Amino acid sequence: MPVLTAERIIRLAVDINVFIADILSSRPQGRASASTRIVEAVREGRCPAGPVQFIASLPMIENFADVLRRRLGYDRSDADE
């Protein structure tokens, strides 16, 4: 594995399903999975391999908010947040 320097950042483009799996794992009777570790790296901006930058497009963010409303029962303001 190459050495990470200050100029080297891990850029993650994460599928919406990874975020949904993380949400579901935090609910009662949910189970932690690899998605939890990936989302932690995105939230913290770091992982054991170095700094992390999350990459997303506006359509992806809008689609995620839509899935939160339609499938997981979030109200519009919470989903948009």
C-alpha atoms as a PDB file:
ATOM      1  CA  MET A   1       0.000   0.000   0.000  1.00  0.00           C
ATOM      2  CA  PRO A   2       1.411   3.438  -0.915  1.00  0.00           C
ATOM      3  CA  VAL A   3       2.452   5.798   1.824  1.00  0.00           C
ATOM      4  CA  LEU A   4      -0.127   8.487   2.559  1.00  0.00           C
ATOM      5  CA  THR A   5       1.112  12.052   2.668  1.00  0.00           C
ATOM      6  CA  ALA A   6      -0.607  15.318   3.485  1.00  0.00           C
ATOM      7  CA  GLU A   7      -1.414  15.684  -0.225  1.00  0.00           C
ATOM      8  CA  ARG A   8      -2.934  12.185  -0.505  1.00  0.00           C
ATOM      9  CA  ILE A   9      -6.603  11.956   0.450  1.00  0.00           C
ATOM     10  CA  ILE A  10      -8.920   8.969   0.127  1.00  0.00           C
ATOM     11  CA  ARG A  11     -11.976  10.098  -1.818  1.00  0.00           C
ATOM     12  CA  LEU A  12     -15.133   8.072  -1.226  1.00  0.00           C
ATOM     13  CA  ALA A  13     -18.212   8.125  -3.433  1.00  0.00           C
ATOM     14  CA  VAL A  14     -20.626   6.016  -1.391  1.00  0.00           C
ATOM     15  CA  ASP A  15     -23.791   4.431  -2.738  1.00  0.00           C
ATOM     16  CA  ILE A  16     -27.049   5.424  -1.025  1.00  0.00           C
ATOM     17  CA  ASN A  17     -27.593   1.784  -0.023  1.00  0.00           C
ATOM     18  CA  VAL A  18     -24.555   2.005   2.259  1.00  0.00           C
ATOM     19  CA  PHE A  19     -26.110   4.928   4.145  1.00  0.00           C
ATOM     20  CA  ILE A  20     -29.486   3.143   4.350  1.00  0.00           C
ATOM     21  CA  ALA A  21     -27.810  -0.029   5.677  1.00  0.00           C
ATOM     22  CA  ASP A  22     -26.070   2.076   8.335  1.00  0.00           C
ATOM     23  CA  ILE A  23     -29.363   3.660   9.419  1.00  0.00           C
ATOM     24  CA  LEU A  24     -31.064   0.263   9.595  1.00  0.00           C
ATOM     25  CA  SER A  25     -28.181  -1.207  11.603  1.00  0.00           C
ATOM     26  CA  SER A  26     -28.646   1.463  14.285  1.00  0.00           C
ATOM     27  CA  ARG A  27     -32.291   0.532  14.836  1.00  0.00           C
ATOM     28  CA  PRO A  28     -33.391  -2.048  17.398  1.00  0.00           C
ATOM     29  CA  GLN A  29     -32.447  -5.539  16.260  1.00  0.00           C
ATOM     30  CA  GLY A  30     -30.171  -4.068  13.593  1.00  0.00           C
ATOM     31  CA  ARG A  31     -26.687  -5.446  13.113  1.00  0.00           C
ATOM     32  CA  ALA A  32     -23.535  -3.461  12.494  1.00  0.00           C
ATOM     33  CA  SER A  33     -21.947  -4.149   9.135  1.00  0.00           C
ATOM     34  CA  ALA A  34     -19.208  -2.902   6.851  1.00  0.00           C
ATOM     35  CA  SER A  35     -21.506  -0.017   5.937  1.00  0.00           C
ATOM     36  CA  THR A  36     -21.198   1.281   9.490  1.00  0.00           C
ATOM     37  CA  ARG A  37     -17.407   1.504   9.162  1.00  0.00           C
ATOM     38  CA  ILE A  38     -17.649   3.265   5.799  1.00  0.00           C
ATOM     39  CA  VAL A  39     -20.158   5.827   7.098  1.00  0.00           C
ATOM     40  CA  GLU A  40     -17.984   6.415  10.188  1.00  0.00           C
ATOM     41  CA  ALA A  41     -15.047   7.224   7.903  1.00  0.00           C
ATOM     42  CA  VAL A  42     -17.218   9.677   5.942  1.00  0.00           C
ATOM     43  CA  ARG A  43     -18.551  11.345   9.114  1.00  0.00           C
ATOM     44  CA  GLU A  44     -15.152  11.611  10.794  1.00  0.00           C
ATOM     45  CA  GLY A  45     -13.204  12.493   7.660  1.00  0.00           C
ATOM     46  CA  ARG A  46     -10.640   9.859   8.622  1.00  0.00           C
ATOM     47  CA  CYS A  47     -10.066   6.129   8.528  1.00  0.00           C
ATOM     48  CA  PRO A  48      -7.107   3.957   9.528  1.00  0.00           C
ATOM     49  CA  ALA A  49      -5.608   4.502   6.058  1.00  0.00           C
ATOM     50  CA  GLY A  50      -5.723   8.304   6.318  1.00  0.00           C
ATOM     51  CA  PRO A  51      -7.875  11.368   5.618  1.00  0.00           C
ATOM     52  CA  VAL A  52     -11.196  10.836   3.818  1.00  0.00           C
ATOM     53  CA  GLN A  53     -13.130  13.184   1.548  1.00  0.00           C
ATOM     54  CA  PHE A  54     -16.758  12.329   0.728  1.00  0.00           C
ATOM     55  CA  ILE A  55     -17.761  12.882  -2.899  1.00  0.00           C
ATOM     56  CA  ALA A  56     -21.462  13.299  -3.775  1.00  0.00           C
ATOM     57  CA  SER A  57     -23.581  14.851  -6.478  1.00  0.00           C
ATOM     58  CA  LEU A  58     -26.682  16.942  -5.904  1.00  0.00           C
ATOM     59  CA  PRO A  59     -28.937  14.320  -7.601  1.00  0.00           C
ATOM     60  CA  MET A  60     -27.523  11.666  -5.248  1.00  0.00           C
ATOM     61  CA  ILE A  61     -28.273  13.803  -2.189  1.00  0.00           C
ATOM     62  CA  GLU A  62     -31.789  14.538  -3.423  1.00  0.00           C
ATOM     63  CA  ASN A  63     -32.387  10.841  -4.106  1.00  0.00           C
ATOM     64  CA  PHE A  64     -31.188   9.961  -0.614  1.00  0.00           C
ATOM     65  CA  ALA A  65     -33.611  12.468   0.938  1.00  0.00           C
ATOM     66  CA  ASP A  66     -36.408  10.985  -1.168  1.00  0.00           C
ATOM     67  CA  VAL A  67     -35.591   7.439   0.017  1.00  0.00           C
ATOM     68  CA  LEU A  68     -35.528   8.628   3.637  1.00  0.00           C
ATOM     69  CA  ARG A  69     -39.034  10.050   3.232  1.00  0.00           C
ATOM     70  CA  ARG A  70     -40.629   7.283   1.169  1.00  0.00           C
ATOM     71  CA  ARG A  71     -39.013   4.185   2.671  1.00  0.00           C
ATOM     72  CA  LEU A  72     -37.932   5.102   6.184  1.00  0.00           C
ATOM     73  CA  GLY A  73     -40.679   7.510   7.280  1.00  0.00           C
ATOM     74  CA  TYR A  74     -38.595  10.663   7.749  1.00  0.00           C
ATOM     75  CA  ASP A  75     -40.510  13.918   7.474  1.00  0.00           C
ATOM     76  CA  ARG A  76     -39.433  16.351   4.763  1.00  0.00           C
ATOM     77  CA  SER A  77     -37.410  18.703   6.991  1.00  0.00           C
ATOM     78  CA  ASP A  78     -35.455  15.858   8.634  1.00  0.00           C
ATOM     79  CA  ALA A  79     -34.779  14.178   5.285  1.00  0.00           C
ATOM     80  CA  ASP A  80     -33.640  17.450   3.739  1.00  0.00           C
ATOM     81  CA  GLU A  81     -31.369  18.147   6.705  1.00  0.00           C
END
